[in-house]
């Protein structure tokens, strides 16, 4: 029984490290650190692969630097960075800010 239907599962062959990102500057900074650490410890370790899932509609600056699979976001507003939203919020008059 069990979920495998009585068949034995294949033996694990190492670790595939994955991370997700929207391409924001902060997440790109974190991803660079994570990927460089992966490269430093990878030789001889069980960590064999690294993939970043980028959820946005356009490529970003890390596409050529970090192994990345880009997946279109379902909502275009997700492509805007928090920094742009904060700048937009701070440039509007205080009276137009939503009340808590």
C-alpha atoms as a PDB file:
ATOM      1  CA  UNK A   1       0.000   0.000   0.000  1.00  0.00           C
ATOM      2  CA  UNK A   2       0.756   3.590   0.687  1.00  0.00           C
ATOM      3  CA  UNK A   3       0.903   6.482  -1.714  1.00  0.00           C
ATOM      4  CA  UNK A   4       3.425   4.730  -3.944  1.00  0.00           C
ATOM      5  CA  UNK A   5       1.045   1.835  -4.632  1.00  0.00           C
ATOM      6  CA  UNK A   6       3.410  -0.748  -3.154  1.00  0.00           C
ATOM      7  CA  UNK A   7       6.279   0.245  -5.436  1.00  0.00           C
ATOM      8  CA  UNK A   8       9.526   1.432  -3.927  1.00  0.00           C
ATOM      9  CA  UNK A   9      10.509   5.021  -4.590  1.00  0.00           C
ATOM     10  CA  UNK A  10      13.756   5.773  -6.418  1.00  0.00           C
ATOM     11  CA  UNK A  11      16.714   6.586  -4.213  1.00  0.00           C
ATOM     12  CA  UNK A  12      17.224  10.302  -3.664  1.00  0.00           C
ATOM     13  CA  UNK A  13      20.141  11.658  -5.675  1.00  0.00           C
ATOM     14  CA  UNK A  14      21.012  14.918  -4.022  1.00  0.00           C
ATOM     15  CA  UNK A  15      19.313  18.138  -3.122  1.00  0.00           C
ATOM     16  CA  UNK A  16      17.779  20.622  -5.562  1.00  0.00           C
ATOM     17  CA  UNK A  17      17.812  24.050  -3.916  1.00  0.00           C
ATOM     18  CA  UNK A  18      14.954  26.299  -5.042  1.00  0.00           C
ATOM     19  CA  UNK A  19      13.930  29.835  -4.204  1.00  0.00           C
ATOM     20  CA  UNK A  20      11.193  32.134  -5.437  1.00  0.00           C
ATOM     21  CA  UNK A  21      11.503  35.798  -6.323  1.00  0.00           C
ATOM     22  CA  UNK A  22       9.539  38.666  -7.807  1.00  0.00           C
ATOM     23  CA  UNK A  23      12.747  40.317  -9.006  1.00  0.00           C
ATOM     24  CA  UNK A  24      12.708  43.131  -6.454  1.00  0.00           C
ATOM     25  CA  UNK A  25      16.101  44.599  -5.517  1.00  0.00           C
ATOM     26  CA  UNK A  26      15.931  43.179  -1.974  1.00  0.00           C
ATOM     27  CA  UNK A  27      15.063  39.646  -3.118  1.00  0.00           C
ATOM     28  CA  UNK A  28      17.744  39.815  -5.821  1.00  0.00           C
ATOM     29  CA  UNK A  29      20.295  40.738  -3.154  1.00  0.00           C
ATOM     30  CA  UNK A  30      19.199  37.767  -1.017  1.00  0.00           C
ATOM     31  CA  UNK A  31      19.238  35.454  -4.039  1.00  0.00           C
ATOM     32  CA  UNK A  32      22.775  36.483  -4.987  1.00  0.00           C
ATOM     33  CA  UNK A  33      23.982  35.645  -1.467  1.00  0.00           C
ATOM     34  CA  UNK A  34      22.111  32.329  -1.480  1.00  0.00           C
ATOM     35  CA  UNK A  35      23.440  31.316  -4.901  1.00  0.00           C
ATOM     36  CA  UNK A  36      27.046  32.287  -4.113  1.00  0.00           C
ATOM     37  CA  UNK A  37      26.826  30.294  -0.861  1.00  0.00           C
ATOM     38  CA  UNK A  38      25.444  27.338  -2.831  1.00  0.00           C
ATOM     39  CA  UNK A  39      28.393  27.549  -5.258  1.00  0.00           C
ATOM     40  CA  UNK A  40      30.876  27.717  -2.365  1.00  0.00           C
ATOM     41  CA  UNK A  41      29.546  24.622  -0.568  1.00  0.00           C
ATOM     42  CA  UNK A  42      28.369  22.629  -3.595  1.00  0.00           C
ATOM     43  CA  UNK A  43      31.586  20.777  -4.536  1.00  0.00           C
ATOM     44  CA  UNK A  44      31.404  17.424  -2.761  1.00  0.00           C
ATOM     45  CA  UNK A  45      28.065  18.162  -1.059  1.00  0.00           C
ATOM     46  CA  UNK A  46      24.607  16.676  -1.583  1.00  0.00           C
ATOM     47  CA  UNK A  47      23.395  19.988  -3.041  1.00  0.00           C
ATOM     48  CA  UNK A  48      23.495  19.352  -6.777  1.00  0.00           C
ATOM     49  CA  UNK A  49      21.176  21.910  -8.386  1.00  0.00           C
ATOM     50  CA  UNK A  50      19.955  25.472  -7.816  1.00  0.00           C
ATOM     51  CA  UNK A  51      16.908  27.057  -9.459  1.00  0.00           C
ATOM     52  CA  UNK A  52      15.262  30.409  -8.883  1.00  0.00           C
ATOM     53  CA  UNK A  53      11.582  30.704  -9.810  1.00  0.00           C
ATOM     54  CA  UNK A  54      10.970  34.253 -11.001  1.00  0.00           C
ATOM     55  CA  UNK A  55       7.293  35.165 -10.952  1.00  0.00           C
ATOM     56  CA  UNK A  56       6.920  38.179 -13.187  1.00  0.00           C
ATOM     57  CA  UNK A  57       6.165  38.874 -16.846  1.00  0.00           C
ATOM     58  CA  UNK A  58       9.623  40.148 -17.823  1.00  0.00           C
ATOM     59  CA  UNK A  59      13.199  38.981 -17.359  1.00  0.00           C
ATOM     60  CA  UNK A  60      15.341  40.696 -14.748  1.00  0.00           C
ATOM     61  CA  UNK A  61      19.013  41.398 -14.061  1.00  0.00           C
ATOM     62  CA  UNK A  62      19.724  37.980 -12.494  1.00  0.00           C
ATOM     63  CA  UNK A  63      18.562  35.905 -15.475  1.00  0.00           C
ATOM     64  CA  UNK A  64      22.135  35.533 -16.787  1.00  0.00           C
ATOM     65  CA  UNK A  65      23.694  35.233 -13.324  1.00  0.00           C
ATOM     66  CA  UNK A  66      21.500  32.685 -11.493  1.00  0.00           C
ATOM     67  CA  UNK A  67      19.802  29.602 -13.011  1.00  0.00           C
ATOM     68  CA  UNK A  68      16.243  30.889 -13.363  1.00  0.00           C
ATOM     69  CA  UNK A  69      12.873  29.735 -14.629  1.00  0.00           C
ATOM     70  CA  UNK A  70      10.539  32.663 -15.305  1.00  0.00           C
ATOM     71  CA  UNK A  71       6.850  32.056 -14.697  1.00  0.00           C
ATOM     72  CA  UNK A  72       4.353  34.712 -15.760  1.00  0.00           C
ATOM     73  CA  UNK A  73       2.570  36.282 -12.812  1.00  0.00           C
ATOM     74  CA  UNK A  74      -1.198  36.026 -12.877  1.00  0.00           C
ATOM     75  CA  UNK A  75      -1.631  39.713 -12.045  1.00  0.00           C
ATOM     76  CA  UNK A  76       0.368  42.459 -13.747  1.00  0.00           C
ATOM     77  CA  UNK A  77       0.412  44.645 -10.590  1.00  0.00           C
ATOM     78  CA  UNK A  78       2.636  41.987  -8.982  1.00  0.00           C
ATOM     79  CA  UNK A  79       5.423  43.148 -11.300  1.00  0.00           C
ATOM     80  CA  UNK A  80       5.703  46.510  -9.564  1.00  0.00           C
ATOM     81  CA  UNK A  81       8.251  46.678  -6.801  1.00  0.00           C
ATOM     82  CA  UNK A  82       7.471  47.766  -3.277  1.00  0.00           C
ATOM     83  CA  UNK A  83       9.880  50.669  -3.691  1.00  0.00           C
ATOM     84  CA  UNK A  84       7.762  52.097  -6.531  1.00  0.00           C
ATOM     85  CA  UNK A  85       4.624  51.723  -4.414  1.00  0.00           C
ATOM     86  CA  UNK A  86       6.237  53.454  -1.434  1.00  0.00           C
ATOM     87  CA  UNK A  87       7.435  56.350  -3.599  1.00  0.00           C
ATOM     88  CA  UNK A  88       3.956  56.656  -5.086  1.00  0.00           C
ATOM     89  CA  UNK A  89       2.356  56.622  -1.642  1.00  0.00           C
ATOM     90  CA  UNK A  90       4.718  59.275  -0.283  1.00  0.00           C
ATOM     91  CA  UNK A  91       4.164  61.544  -3.272  1.00  0.00           C
ATOM     92  CA  UNK A  92       0.397  61.750  -2.714  1.00  0.00           C
ATOM     93  CA  UNK A  93      -1.098  64.348  -0.369  1.00  0.00           C
ATOM     94  CA  UNK A  94      -1.717  63.074   3.171  1.00  0.00           C
ATOM     95  CA  UNK A  95      -5.465  63.662   2.811  1.00  0.00           C
ATOM     96  CA  UNK A  96      -5.618  61.076   0.008  1.00  0.00           C
ATOM     97  CA  UNK A  97      -4.048  58.274   2.073  1.00  0.00           C
ATOM     98  CA  UNK A  98      -6.481  55.549   3.112  1.00  0.00           C
ATOM     99  CA  UNK A  99      -7.690  55.793   6.689  1.00  0.00           C
ATOM    100  CA  UNK A 100      -6.719  52.844   8.945  1.00  0.00           C
END
